[in-house]
């Protein structure tokens, strides 16, 4: 009996990053990942056919110590 889940791909986000939340921006084929252990926001391009993610940018989320991200929201107008 199958569990219904099939692993199709994996993405390395960087050692110690601790990815917490991911959101897809479908119109731009982007995935945004906020990390909570190390304070970064990562931007990935998304291949809609394979699900492959390719990192395009990584930026510090905040310069305030111990102030990590928890969630990403996209404004309704994109």
N, C-alpha and C. Protein backbone atom coordinates (compact mmCIF):
# COMPACT_ATOMS: atom_id res chain seq x y z
N UNK A 1 0.83 -1.18 0.00
CA UNK A 1 0.00 0.00 0.00
C UNK A 1 0.88 1.24 0.00
N UNK A 2 0.59 2.19 -0.87
CA UNK A 2 1.35 3.42 -1.00
C UNK A 2 0.88 4.46 0.01
N UNK A 3 1.81 5.29 0.49
CA UNK A 3 1.46 6.36 1.42
C UNK A 3 0.85 7.54 0.69
N UNK A 4 0.96 7.56 -0.64
CA UNK A 4 0.43 8.67 -1.42
C UNK A 4 1.43 9.80 -1.61
N UNK A 5 2.58 9.72 -0.95
CA UNK A 5 3.61 10.74 -1.10
C UNK A 5 4.76 10.21 -1.93
N UNK A 6 5.24 11.02 -2.85
CA UNK A 6 6.35 10.65 -3.69
C UNK A 6 7.37 11.78 -3.66
N UNK A 7 8.59 11.48 -3.24
CA UNK A 7 9.64 12.50 -3.23
C UNK A 7 10.11 12.71 -4.66
N UNK A 8 9.98 13.93 -5.14
CA UNK A 8 10.36 14.23 -6.51
C UNK A 8 11.60 15.10 -6.61
N UNK A 9 11.95 15.79 -5.53
CA UNK A 9 13.07 16.72 -5.59
C UNK A 9 13.46 17.11 -4.17
N UNK A 10 14.65 17.65 -4.02
CA UNK A 10 15.06 18.22 -2.73
C UNK A 10 15.94 19.43 -3.01
N UNK A 11 15.96 20.35 -2.08
CA UNK A 11 16.73 21.59 -2.24
C UNK A 11 17.51 21.85 -0.96
N UNK A 12 18.79 22.12 -1.11
CA UNK A 12 19.63 22.47 0.03
C UNK A 12 19.53 23.98 0.27
N UNK A 13 19.11 24.38 1.44
CA UNK A 13 18.93 25.81 1.74
C UNK A 13 20.14 26.43 2.42
N UNK A 14 21.13 25.62 2.76
CA UNK A 14 22.33 26.12 3.43
C UNK A 14 22.41 25.58 4.84
N UNK A 15 23.60 25.23 5.26
CA UNK A 15 23.81 24.65 6.57
C UNK A 15 23.38 25.61 7.67
N UNK A 16 22.57 25.14 8.58
CA UNK A 16 22.18 25.92 9.75
C UNK A 16 21.14 26.99 9.50
N UNK A 17 20.54 27.03 8.31
CA UNK A 17 19.57 28.08 8.01
C UNK A 17 18.25 27.87 8.75
N UNK A 18 17.79 26.65 8.85
CA UNK A 18 16.53 26.38 9.54
C UNK A 18 15.33 26.96 8.81
N UNK A 19 15.03 26.49 7.60
CA UNK A 19 13.89 27.04 6.87
C UNK A 19 12.60 26.87 7.68
N UNK A 20 11.82 27.93 7.75
CA UNK A 20 10.61 27.91 8.57
C UNK A 20 9.34 27.98 7.73
N UNK A 21 9.32 28.86 6.75
CA UNK A 21 8.09 29.07 5.99
C UNK A 21 8.43 29.33 4.53
N UNK A 22 7.61 28.78 3.65
CA UNK A 22 7.78 28.97 2.20
C UNK A 22 6.45 29.41 1.63
N UNK A 23 6.52 30.33 0.68
CA UNK A 23 5.33 30.75 -0.04
C UNK A 23 5.67 30.84 -1.53
N UNK A 24 4.72 30.49 -2.37
CA UNK A 24 4.92 30.54 -3.81
C UNK A 24 4.28 31.80 -4.39
N UNK A 25 5.01 32.45 -5.26
CA UNK A 25 4.46 33.57 -6.04
C UNK A 25 4.28 33.02 -7.44
N UNK A 26 3.08 32.52 -7.74
CA UNK A 26 2.82 31.77 -8.97
C UNK A 26 3.00 32.61 -10.23
N UNK A 27 2.62 33.88 -10.21
CA UNK A 27 2.73 34.71 -11.40
C UNK A 27 4.19 34.95 -11.81
N UNK A 28 5.09 34.90 -10.85
CA UNK A 28 6.51 35.16 -11.15
C UNK A 28 7.37 33.90 -11.06
N UNK A 29 6.74 32.75 -10.80
CA UNK A 29 7.47 31.48 -10.67
C UNK A 29 8.60 31.59 -9.64
N UNK A 30 8.25 32.13 -8.47
CA UNK A 30 9.21 32.29 -7.38
C UNK A 30 8.73 31.57 -6.14
N UNK A 31 9.70 31.11 -5.36
CA UNK A 31 9.45 30.59 -4.02
C UNK A 31 10.26 31.45 -3.06
N UNK A 32 9.62 31.91 -1.99
CA UNK A 32 10.28 32.72 -0.97
C UNK A 32 10.33 31.89 0.31
N UNK A 33 11.53 31.81 0.88
CA UNK A 33 11.74 31.00 2.08
C UNK A 33 12.31 31.90 3.17
N UNK A 34 11.67 31.88 4.34
CA UNK A 34 12.21 32.60 5.49
C UNK A 34 12.86 31.56 6.41
N UNK A 35 14.07 31.88 6.88
CA UNK A 35 14.81 30.98 7.77
C UNK A 35 14.74 31.53 9.19
N UNK A 36 14.71 30.62 10.17
CA UNK A 36 14.57 31.09 11.54
C UNK A 36 15.81 30.89 12.40
N UNK A 37 16.68 29.97 12.05
CA UNK A 37 17.87 29.75 12.87
C UNK A 37 18.93 30.80 12.52
N UNK A 38 19.18 30.97 11.23
CA UNK A 38 20.00 32.07 10.74
C UNK A 38 19.05 32.99 9.99
N UNK A 39 19.15 34.25 10.23
CA UNK A 39 18.14 35.23 9.85
C UNK A 39 18.25 35.65 8.37
N UNK A 40 17.71 34.81 7.46
CA UNK A 40 17.79 35.10 6.04
C UNK A 40 16.44 34.93 5.36
N UNK A 41 16.27 35.66 4.27
CA UNK A 41 15.18 35.45 3.32
C UNK A 41 15.83 34.96 2.04
N UNK A 42 15.33 33.85 1.51
CA UNK A 42 15.88 33.28 0.28
C UNK A 42 14.83 33.34 -0.83
N UNK A 43 15.30 33.67 -2.03
CA UNK A 43 14.42 33.75 -3.20
C UNK A 43 14.88 32.70 -4.20
N UNK A 44 13.95 31.85 -4.62
CA UNK A 44 14.24 30.78 -5.57
C UNK A 44 13.37 30.92 -6.81
N UNK A 45 13.92 30.58 -7.97
CA UNK A 45 13.08 30.41 -9.15
C UNK A 45 12.51 29.01 -9.10
N UNK A 46 11.30 28.83 -9.63
CA UNK A 46 10.61 27.55 -9.59
C UNK A 46 10.42 27.04 -11.01
N UNK A 47 10.86 25.81 -11.26
CA UNK A 47 10.57 25.13 -12.52
C UNK A 47 9.24 24.40 -12.32
N UNK A 48 8.20 24.90 -12.95
CA UNK A 48 6.86 24.34 -12.72
C UNK A 48 6.69 22.92 -13.25
N UNK A 49 7.55 22.51 -14.16
CA UNK A 49 7.45 21.14 -14.70
C UNK A 49 8.09 20.12 -13.77
N UNK A 50 9.22 20.47 -13.17
CA UNK A 50 9.95 19.51 -12.34
C UNK A 50 9.85 19.78 -10.85
N UNK A 51 9.47 21.01 -10.48
CA UNK A 51 9.46 21.40 -9.08
C UNK A 51 10.83 21.83 -8.56
N UNK A 52 11.83 21.83 -9.44
CA UNK A 52 13.20 22.20 -9.05
C UNK A 52 13.25 23.68 -8.62
N UNK A 53 13.96 23.94 -7.53
CA UNK A 53 14.17 25.30 -7.04
C UNK A 53 15.62 25.68 -7.25
N UNK A 54 15.85 26.88 -7.77
CA UNK A 54 17.22 27.39 -7.94
C UNK A 54 17.32 28.72 -7.20
N UNK A 55 18.26 28.79 -6.24
CA UNK A 55 18.39 30.01 -5.45
C UNK A 55 18.88 31.16 -6.34
N UNK A 56 18.16 32.28 -6.25
CA UNK A 56 18.52 33.49 -6.99
C UNK A 56 19.11 34.55 -6.09
N UNK A 57 18.66 34.58 -4.83
CA UNK A 57 19.11 35.62 -3.92
C UNK A 57 18.92 35.19 -2.48
N UNK A 58 19.83 35.63 -1.63
CA UNK A 58 19.70 35.43 -0.18
C UNK A 58 20.07 36.74 0.48
N UNK A 59 19.17 37.27 1.29
CA UNK A 59 19.41 38.55 1.95
C UNK A 59 19.13 38.43 3.44
N UNK A 60 19.87 39.18 4.26
CA UNK A 60 19.57 39.21 5.69
C UNK A 60 18.16 39.74 5.90
N UNK A 61 17.43 39.13 6.79
CA UNK A 61 16.05 39.52 7.03
C UNK A 61 15.95 40.71 7.98
N UNK A 62 16.86 40.77 8.95
CA UNK A 62 16.83 41.84 9.94
C UNK A 62 18.23 42.01 10.52
N UNK A 63 18.55 43.21 10.91
CA UNK A 63 19.85 43.45 11.55
C UNK A 63 19.73 43.43 13.07
N UNK A 64 18.53 43.22 13.58
CA UNK A 64 18.30 43.18 15.03
C UNK A 64 18.59 41.78 15.54
N UNK A 65 19.42 41.67 16.57
CA UNK A 65 19.77 40.37 17.15
C UNK A 65 18.53 39.66 17.68
N UNK A 66 18.49 38.35 17.46
CA UNK A 66 17.40 37.50 17.95
C UNK A 66 16.02 37.90 17.41
N UNK A 67 16.00 38.51 16.25
CA UNK A 67 14.74 38.90 15.62
C UNK A 67 14.60 38.12 14.32
N UNK A 68 14.03 36.92 14.40
CA UNK A 68 13.95 36.05 13.23
C UNK A 68 12.56 36.05 12.63
N UNK A 69 12.49 35.64 11.36
CA UNK A 69 11.22 35.61 10.65
C UNK A 69 10.37 34.41 11.04
N UNK A 70 9.08 34.54 10.86
CA UNK A 70 8.17 33.44 11.17
C UNK A 70 7.26 33.12 10.00
N UNK A 71 7.00 34.09 9.13
CA UNK A 71 6.00 33.91 8.09
C UNK A 71 6.29 34.87 6.95
N UNK A 72 5.85 34.51 5.76
CA UNK A 72 5.94 35.38 4.60
C UNK A 72 4.53 35.58 4.07
N UNK A 73 4.19 36.82 3.77
CA UNK A 73 2.89 37.14 3.18
C UNK A 73 3.12 37.88 1.89
N UNK A 74 2.31 37.61 0.89
CA UNK A 74 2.36 38.34 -0.37
C UNK A 74 1.13 39.22 -0.46
N UNK A 75 1.34 40.49 -0.73
CA UNK A 75 0.23 41.42 -0.85
C UNK A 75 -0.71 40.96 -1.98
N UNK A 76 -2.01 41.14 -1.82
CA UNK A 76 -2.96 40.67 -2.83
C UNK A 76 -2.69 41.17 -4.26
N UNK A 77 -2.04 42.33 -4.41
CA UNK A 77 -1.74 42.79 -5.77
C UNK A 77 -0.43 42.23 -6.31
N UNK A 78 0.18 41.30 -5.54
CA UNK A 78 1.38 40.61 -6.00
C UNK A 78 2.66 41.30 -5.64
